[in-house]
């Protein structure tokens, strides 16, 4: 809250309306599957923030937020998915009641959960100046606290279990849907070794095979796994909404030279990138080191090679701030966390070998310990 209010003051904002569920959770502790209807956290000029959402979800706010119960405002059911009235009409009236409808109000304009209709309602009902505050809170989240890092390390232990289950289970003829059932089981079931169960990931398991692996975000079907094909598995362990994503590629049978060459290029490139992934360097330094090695191997990757991670809700486990790509001059600081996404998606095949890392003054910490190689199963 202190960091958020300091940034609000720097931007000249009197009130901030936050609708990103990850930012809502980070500020208040709110945790519920209610982001399919309009909701928000409102940070005023002083005092505790307000939770705002559907009336029946206010009970969830009372149970998960750190503020007093009277700071949870639920709107009546006639506002839910109505074409006649909008929840932001109700919020505007409550801001007026508190005297928070004056000055400059920031909203997250470029956000999955804030609609054009929400903007129109606030602009119609408030006389304040409404300005874009997209990612204001996101940028306060990029350096993790010791407790946040502990959550992410526990998520790392979970993703280790997931990848071990994948390798033990996968075989030619196994239906992908059955394999995904094993992934969900390993990701969520209580594990005595970990002392906890897992949380649901912001992105479902991604596991395209063969030529489908040229598309990075395909999910699964009932088709059987096939010998002579490579499949990448992009999954995440999650603890208390904190994510540790990790990708590995498994080839059933003898790998083709294409896959062996891709592994060699990515391994070399990742080592170069990890060498630059330390405090004082920039996001661009990591990307440039990785891309330079790929180029020497004759491979062109025309998309970013990583992004900041942490606490997340669907549909994305990235923090939507800095990226590991050319032109991003964000300085790396200790306890920033990234998914070093070195995936290759070519014309008719794909290969992923990634790490989730913590920035330190020296070599980065890898949050999970899974063999960093092309995995082969006969």
Protein backbone atom coordinates (compact mmCIF):
# COMPACT_ATOMS: atom_id res chain seq x y z
CA UNK A 1 0.00 0.00 0.00
CA UNK A 2 2.82 2.40 0.81
CA UNK A 3 4.52 1.75 -2.52
CA UNK A 4 1.23 2.11 -4.41
CA UNK A 5 0.32 5.37 -2.68
CA UNK A 6 3.79 6.77 -3.32
CA UNK A 7 3.38 6.09 -7.04
CA UNK A 8 -0.13 7.58 -6.96
CA UNK A 9 1.30 10.74 -5.44
CA UNK A 10 4.05 10.86 -8.05
CA UNK A 11 1.43 10.70 -10.80
CA UNK A 12 -0.91 13.16 -9.10
CA UNK A 13 -3.70 10.64 -8.51
CA UNK A 14 -6.20 11.12 -5.71
CA UNK A 15 -7.98 7.77 -6.11
CA UNK A 16 -7.00 4.51 -7.84
CA UNK A 17 -9.51 1.92 -9.08
CA UNK A 18 -7.82 -1.47 -9.53
CA UNK A 19 -9.67 -4.25 -11.39
CA UNK A 20 -6.83 -6.69 -12.14
CA UNK A 21 -7.52 -9.62 -9.75
CA UNK A 22 -3.78 -10.18 -9.20
CA UNK A 23 -3.39 -6.57 -8.11
CA UNK A 24 -6.54 -6.81 -5.98
CA UNK A 25 -5.13 -9.87 -4.23
CA UNK A 26 -1.69 -8.32 -3.77
CA UNK A 27 -3.13 -5.19 -2.18
CA UNK A 28 -5.81 -6.74 0.02
CA UNK A 29 -5.48 -10.53 0.11
CA UNK A 30 -8.76 -11.05 -1.74
CA UNK A 31 -8.92 -14.52 -3.26
CA UNK A 32 -12.01 -15.71 -5.11
CA UNK A 33 -13.16 -16.89 -8.53
CA UNK A 34 -15.32 -13.82 -9.07
CA UNK A 35 -13.42 -11.97 -11.79
CA UNK A 36 -16.02 -12.91 -14.41
CA UNK A 37 -18.16 -10.08 -13.01
CA UNK A 38 -17.08 -6.50 -12.36
CA UNK A 39 -15.07 -5.98 -9.20
CA UNK A 40 -12.34 -3.66 -7.97
CA UNK A 41 -10.17 -2.48 -5.13
CA UNK A 42 -10.29 1.28 -4.59
CA UNK A 43 -7.32 3.01 -3.01
CA UNK A 44 -8.38 6.39 -1.68
CA UNK A 45 -6.30 9.33 -0.47
CA UNK A 46 -6.06 7.88 3.06
CA UNK A 47 -7.18 5.00 5.22
CA UNK A 48 -7.72 1.41 4.18
CA UNK A 49 -8.67 0.47 0.62
CA UNK A 50 -12.16 -0.63 -0.34
CA UNK A 51 -13.11 -3.96 -1.86
CA UNK A 52 -15.95 -3.61 -4.38
CA UNK A 53 -17.76 -6.48 -6.05
CA UNK A 54 -20.87 -8.56 -6.41
CA UNK A 55 -22.95 -8.66 -3.25
CA UNK A 56 -22.73 -12.41 -2.77
CA UNK A 57 -18.93 -12.23 -3.15
CA UNK A 58 -18.60 -9.71 -0.32
CA UNK A 59 -18.61 -12.67 2.07
CA UNK A 60 -15.45 -13.85 0.34
CA UNK A 61 -13.88 -10.44 0.80
CA UNK A 62 -14.73 -10.50 4.50
CA UNK A 63 -12.98 -13.85 4.80
CA UNK A 64 -9.84 -13.12 2.77
CA UNK A 65 -9.13 -9.36 2.95
CA UNK A 66 -7.13 -7.81 5.76
CA UNK A 67 -9.36 -4.70 6.01
CA UNK A 68 -12.31 -4.37 8.37
CA UNK A 69 -15.61 -5.77 7.15
CA UNK A 70 -17.17 -2.35 6.53
CA UNK A 71 -14.61 -1.79 3.77
CA UNK A 72 -16.26 -4.47 1.63
CA UNK A 73 -18.95 -3.00 -0.62
CA UNK A 74 -21.21 -5.39 -2.51
CA UNK A 75 -23.49 -4.25 -5.31
CA UNK A 76 -27.06 -5.64 -5.60
CA UNK A 77 -27.92 -8.50 -7.93
CA UNK A 78 -29.84 -6.37 -10.49
CA UNK A 79 -26.46 -4.91 -11.50
CA UNK A 80 -25.04 -8.33 -12.38
CA UNK A 81 -24.70 -8.80 -16.17
CA UNK A 82 -27.46 -6.28 -16.80
CA UNK A 83 -28.00 -4.29 -20.00
CA UNK A 84 -29.93 -1.62 -18.09
CA UNK A 85 -27.44 -0.65 -15.38
CA UNK A 86 -23.75 -1.14 -14.74
CA UNK A 87 -21.88 -2.02 -11.51
CA UNK A 88 -19.68 1.03 -12.02
CA UNK A 89 -22.82 3.19 -11.68
CA UNK A 90 -23.09 1.82 -8.15
CA UNK A 91 -19.38 2.31 -7.46
CA UNK A 92 -19.53 5.92 -8.62
CA UNK A 93 -22.33 6.59 -6.14
CA UNK A 94 -20.33 5.04 -3.29
CA UNK A 95 -17.27 7.13 -4.21
CA UNK A 96 -19.47 10.22 -4.06
CA UNK A 97 -20.70 9.17 -0.59
CA UNK A 98 -17.10 9.07 0.65
CA UNK A 99 -16.00 12.23 -1.08
CA UNK A 100 -13.65 10.22 -3.33
CA UNK A 101 -15.23 11.49 -6.55
CA UNK A 102 -13.01 14.56 -6.79
CA UNK A 103 -9.63 15.25 -8.33
CA UNK A 104 -7.86 12.72 -10.58
CA UNK A 105 -8.97 9.09 -10.59
CA UNK A 106 -6.74 6.40 -12.11
CA UNK A 107 -8.13 3.27 -13.75
CA UNK A 108 -6.48 0.28 -15.44
CA UNK A 109 -7.60 1.01 -18.99
CA UNK A 110 -5.64 -1.72 -20.79
CA UNK A 111 -6.74 -4.62 -18.67
CA UNK A 112 -8.53 -7.91 -19.26
CA UNK A 113 -11.17 -7.11 -16.64
CA UNK A 114 -12.01 -3.42 -17.27
CA UNK A 115 -14.43 -2.95 -20.14
CA UNK A 116 -15.42 -0.08 -22.39
CA UNK A 117 -18.80 -0.07 -20.66
CA UNK A 118 -17.06 0.30 -17.27
CA UNK A 119 -15.15 3.31 -18.59
CA UNK A 120 -18.32 4.86 -20.00
CA UNK A 121 -20.16 4.42 -16.70
CA UNK A 122 -17.44 6.10 -14.66
CA UNK A 123 -17.01 8.89 -17.20
CA UNK A 124 -20.77 9.50 -17.16
CA UNK A 125 -21.27 9.36 -13.40
CA UNK A 126 -18.15 11.15 -12.15
CA UNK A 127 -17.07 14.71 -12.73
CA UNK A 128 -13.49 13.80 -11.88
CA UNK A 129 -10.67 13.59 -14.38
CA UNK A 130 -10.26 9.88 -15.19
CA UNK A 131 -6.76 8.93 -16.32
CA UNK A 132 -4.97 5.77 -17.37
CA UNK A 133 -3.17 3.99 -14.54
CA UNK A 134 -2.57 0.67 -16.30
CA UNK A 135 0.13 -1.42 -14.58
CA UNK A 136 0.70 1.12 -11.80
CA UNK A 137 0.28 -1.62 -9.19
CA UNK A 138 1.93 -4.29 -11.35
CA UNK A 139 5.21 -2.37 -11.29
CA UNK A 140 5.14 -2.22 -7.48
CA UNK A 141 5.03 -6.03 -7.41
CA UNK A 142 8.15 -6.86 -9.42
CA UNK A 143 10.61 -7.04 -6.48
CA UNK A 144 9.46 -9.90 -4.27
CA UNK A 145 9.43 -9.99 -0.49
CA UNK A 146 11.01 -12.92 1.39
CA UNK A 147 7.57 -14.46 1.96
CA UNK A 148 6.66 -14.13 -1.72
CA UNK A 149 9.92 -15.86 -2.67
CA UNK A 150 9.13 -18.66 -0.23
CA UNK A 151 5.75 -19.14 -1.92
CA UNK A 152 7.45 -19.25 -5.33
CA UNK A 153 10.04 -21.76 -4.13
CA UNK A 154 7.22 -23.99 -2.88
CA UNK A 155 5.61 -23.60 -6.29
CA UNK A 156 8.94 -24.70 -7.72
CA UNK A 157 8.85 -27.89 -5.66
CA UNK A 158 5.37 -28.49 -7.02
CA UNK A 159 6.34 -28.08 -10.67
CA UNK A 160 9.19 -30.55 -10.10
CA UNK A 161 6.55 -33.10 -9.06
CA UNK A 162 4.44 -32.30 -12.12
CA UNK A 163 7.29 -32.86 -14.56
CA UNK A 164 8.31 -36.07 -12.81
CA UNK A 165 4.73 -37.33 -13.14
CA UNK A 166 4.64 -36.39 -16.82
CA UNK A 167 7.82 -38.33 -17.60
CA UNK A 168 6.73 -41.35 -15.57
CA UNK A 169 3.26 -41.43 -17.20
CA UNK A 170 3.82 -40.54 -20.85
CA UNK A 171 3.98 -43.36 -23.38
CA UNK A 172 2.84 -44.02 -26.95
CA UNK A 173 -0.90 -44.69 -27.07
CA UNK A 174 -1.75 -42.74 -23.91
CA UNK A 175 -4.56 -40.29 -24.59
CA UNK A 176 -3.61 -36.69 -24.00
CA UNK A 177 -6.68 -36.09 -21.88
CA UNK A 178 -5.57 -38.88 -19.55
CA UNK A 179 -2.09 -37.39 -19.39
CA UNK A 180 -3.56 -34.01 -18.46
CA UNK A 181 -5.56 -35.70 -15.71
CA UNK A 182 -2.24 -36.90 -14.26
CA UNK A 183 -0.81 -33.38 -14.57
CA UNK A 184 -3.75 -31.88 -12.68
CA UNK A 185 -3.44 -34.58 -10.02
CA UNK A 186 0.26 -33.91 -9.48
CA UNK A 187 -0.34 -30.17 -9.47
CA UNK A 188 -3.17 -30.06 -6.96
CA UNK A 189 -3.36 -33.19 -4.78
CA UNK A 190 -1.99 -32.87 -1.22
CA UNK A 191 1.62 -34.02 -1.21
CA UNK A 192 3.07 -35.24 2.12
CA UNK A 193 6.59 -34.34 0.93
CA UNK A 194 5.51 -30.75 0.33
CA UNK A 195 3.11 -30.56 3.27
CA UNK A 196 0.42 -28.90 1.18
CA UNK A 197 -1.82 -29.17 -1.84
CA UNK A 198 -1.37 -27.08 -4.96
CA UNK A 199 -3.34 -24.13 -6.29
CA UNK A 200 -4.86 -23.86 -9.78
CA UNK A 201 -2.65 -22.28 -12.45
CA UNK A 202 -3.51 -19.10 -14.34
CA UNK A 203 -2.85 -20.97 -17.62
CA UNK A 204 -3.97 -24.55 -18.24
CA UNK A 205 -1.39 -27.18 -19.24
CA UNK A 206 -0.06 -26.60 -22.75
CA UNK A 207 1.21 -29.72 -24.54
CA UNK A 208 1.13 -29.64 -28.34
CA UNK A 209 2.89 -32.47 -30.20
CA UNK A 210 4.51 -32.86 -33.58
CA UNK A 211 3.61 -30.13 -36.07
CA UNK A 212 1.05 -28.71 -33.61
CA UNK A 213 3.99 -27.64 -31.42
CA UNK A 214 4.61 -24.84 -33.92
CA UNK A 215 1.71 -23.11 -32.10
CA UNK A 216 2.71 -22.22 -28.54
CA UNK A 217 -0.70 -22.10 -26.86
CA UNK A 218 -2.62 -25.22 -27.87
CA UNK A 219 -4.09 -27.33 -25.06
CA UNK A 220 -5.14 -30.99 -25.39
CA UNK A 221 -7.55 -33.44 -26.97
CA UNK A 222 -8.24 -37.19 -26.84
CA UNK A 223 -5.60 -38.14 -29.40
CA UNK A 224 -3.00 -40.73 -28.33
CA UNK A 225 0.64 -39.86 -27.86
CA UNK A 226 2.73 -41.03 -30.79
CA UNK A 227 6.21 -42.52 -31.06
CA UNK A 228 8.60 -40.43 -33.14
CA UNK A 229 7.14 -37.11 -31.98
CA UNK A 230 8.26 -34.38 -29.63
CA UNK A 231 5.87 -32.69 -27.19
CA UNK A 232 6.61 -29.67 -25.06
CA UNK A 233 4.93 -29.34 -21.69
CA UNK A 234 4.42 -25.80 -20.39
CA UNK A 235 3.00 -26.11 -16.89
CA UNK A 236 3.28 -24.31 -13.56
CA UNK A 237 3.37 -25.15 -9.91
CA UNK A 238 1.28 -22.74 -7.86
CA UNK A 239 1.26 -21.97 -4.14
CA UNK A 240 -1.04 -19.32 -2.68
CA UNK A 241 -1.50 -17.92 -6.21
CA UNK A 242 2.29 -17.54 -6.72
CA UNK A 243 3.49 -19.30 -9.87
CA UNK A 244 6.58 -21.14 -10.98
CA UNK A 245 6.14 -21.97 -14.67
CA UNK A 246 8.53 -24.42 -16.29
CA UNK A 247 8.69 -26.08 -19.72
CA UNK A 248 10.38 -29.25 -20.85
CA UNK A 249 10.22 -31.16 -24.15
CA UNK A 250 9.85 -34.95 -24.28
CA UNK A 251 10.60 -36.99 -27.39
CA UNK A 252 9.09 -40.48 -27.62
CA UNK A 253 11.69 -42.61 -29.34
CA UNK A 254 14.95 -41.56 -31.00
CA UNK A 255 15.13 -37.75 -31.31
CA UNK A 256 15.58 -36.28 -34.78
CA UNK A 257 18.64 -34.21 -35.55
CA UNK A 258 16.36 -31.17 -35.69
CA UNK A 259 15.50 -31.59 -32.01
CA UNK A 260 19.10 -32.30 -31.02
CA UNK A 261 20.24 -29.15 -32.81
CA UNK A 262 17.47 -27.11 -31.15
CA UNK A 263 18.47 -28.43 -27.74
CA UNK A 264 22.13 -27.50 -28.31
CA UNK A 265 21.21 -23.97 -29.44
CA UNK A 266 18.82 -23.32 -26.57
CA UNK A 267 21.20 -24.78 -23.99
CA UNK A 268 24.03 -22.53 -25.19
CA UNK A 269 21.75 -19.52 -25.43
CA UNK A 270 20.26 -20.06 -22.00
CA UNK A 271 23.70 -20.26 -20.41
CA UNK A 272 24.61 -16.94 -22.03
CA UNK A 273 21.35 -15.37 -20.91
CA UNK A 274 21.63 -16.65 -17.35
CA UNK A 275 25.14 -15.19 -17.15
CA UNK A 276 23.64 -11.75 -17.84
CA UNK A 277 20.63 -12.24 -15.56
CA UNK A 278 22.02 -10.50 -12.51
CA UNK A 279 21.37 -7.27 -10.64
CA UNK A 280 22.60 -4.15 -12.40
CA UNK A 281 22.12 -5.49 -15.92
CA UNK A 282 18.96 -4.95 -17.93
CA UNK A 283 16.22 -7.11 -19.39
CA UNK A 284 17.65 -6.30 -22.80
CA UNK A 285 21.08 -7.62 -21.81
CA UNK A 286 19.63 -11.06 -21.07
CA UNK A 287 17.67 -11.14 -24.33
CA UNK A 288 20.55 -9.93 -26.48
CA UNK A 289 22.90 -12.56 -25.04
CA UNK A 290 20.41 -15.33 -25.75
CA UNK A 291 19.47 -14.16 -29.24
CA UNK A 292 23.12 -13.72 -30.24
CA UNK A 293 23.82 -17.38 -29.49
CA UNK A 294 20.71 -18.50 -31.35
CA UNK A 295 21.86 -16.50 -34.37
CA UNK A 296 25.21 -18.29 -34.34
CA UNK A 297 23.26 -21.55 -34.51
CA UNK A 298 21.27 -20.24 -37.46
CA UNK A 299 17.98 -19.85 -35.53
CA UNK A 300 15.80 -16.74 -35.49
CA UNK A 301 13.36 -16.18 -32.61
CA UNK A 302 11.17 -13.13 -33.28
CA UNK A 303 9.39 -12.94 -29.93
CA UNK A 304 10.40 -12.05 -26.40
CA UNK A 305 12.34 -14.57 -24.36
CA UNK A 306 10.86 -14.01 -20.92
CA UNK A 307 8.72 -11.93 -18.60
CA UNK A 308 8.20 -11.07 -14.96
CA UNK A 309 6.17 -13.55 -12.89
CA UNK A 310 4.64 -13.76 -9.42
CA UNK A 311 1.08 -13.72 -8.10
CA UNK A 312 -1.46 -14.34 -10.85
CA UNK A 313 -5.02 -15.25 -11.78
CA UNK A 314 -6.35 -16.43 -15.15
CA UNK A 315 -5.83 -15.89 -17.99
CA UNK A 316 -2.09 -15.20 -17.61
CA UNK A 317 0.70 -15.95 -15.14
CA UNK A 318 2.89 -13.05 -16.32
CA UNK A 319 2.91 -9.77 -14.39
CA UNK A 320 2.55 -7.68 -17.58
CA UNK A 321 5.47 -5.37 -16.79
CA UNK A 322 9.02 -5.93 -18.05
CA UNK A 323 10.00 -8.45 -20.71
CA UNK A 324 13.28 -10.06 -21.67
CA UNK A 325 13.57 -8.56 -25.15
CA UNK A 326 15.60 -6.05 -27.11
CA UNK A 327 14.67 -2.49 -26.20
CA UNK A 328 13.52 -3.20 -22.64
CA UNK A 329 16.00 -1.26 -20.53
CA UNK A 330 14.43 -2.16 -17.18
CA UNK A 331 17.21 -2.58 -14.65
CA UNK A 332 17.36 -5.97 -12.96
CA UNK A 333 17.18 -5.79 -9.19
CA UNK A 334 17.62 -8.46 -6.52
CA UNK A 335 14.48 -10.54 -5.91
CA UNK A 336 12.88 -9.83 -9.27
CA UNK A 337 11.50 -13.07 -10.71
CA UNK A 338 11.23 -14.08 -14.37
CA UNK A 339 10.15 -16.94 -16.57
CA UNK A 340 13.11 -17.26 -18.94
CA UNK A 341 11.00 -18.41 -21.89
CA UNK A 342 13.40 -19.73 -24.51
CA UNK A 343 10.73 -21.52 -26.55
CA UNK A 344 11.16 -22.03 -30.28
CA UNK A 345 8.03 -22.27 -32.45
CA UNK A 346 9.04 -23.01 -35.99
CA UNK A 347 7.06 -23.74 -39.17
CA UNK A 348 6.12 -27.33 -38.34
CA UNK A 349 7.68 -28.12 -34.95
CA UNK A 350 8.33 -26.58 -31.55
CA UNK A 351 10.74 -26.92 -28.65
CA UNK A 352 10.61 -25.51 -25.13
CA UNK A 353 13.24 -25.62 -22.40
CA UNK A 354 12.70 -22.87 -19.80
CA UNK A 355 13.59 -21.79 -16.28
CA UNK A 356 11.93 -19.60 -13.67
CA UNK A 357 14.61 -17.52 -11.97
CA UNK A 358 15.23 -15.10 -9.12
CA UNK A 359 17.60 -12.22 -9.80
CA UNK A 360 20.49 -11.87 -7.32
CA UNK A 361 23.76 -9.94 -7.22
CA UNK A 362 25.42 -13.01 -8.73
CA UNK A 363 24.17 -15.97 -10.69
CA UNK A 364 20.36 -16.22 -10.69
CA UNK A 365 18.55 -18.74 -8.53
CA UNK A 366 16.52 -21.32 -10.43
CA UNK A 367 13.23 -21.87 -8.64
CA UNK A 368 12.88 -25.49 -9.78
CA UNK A 369 15.31 -28.37 -10.18
CA UNK A 370 14.28 -30.36 -13.24
CA UNK A 371 16.92 -31.75 -15.65
CA UNK A 372 17.57 -28.97 -18.17
CA UNK A 373 17.69 -31.07 -21.32
CA UNK A 374 15.62 -32.67 -24.03
CA UNK A 375 13.97 -35.59 -22.26
CA UNK A 376 13.83 -38.86 -24.20
CA UNK A 377 11.60 -41.82 -23.47
CA UNK A 378 11.66 -44.97 -25.60
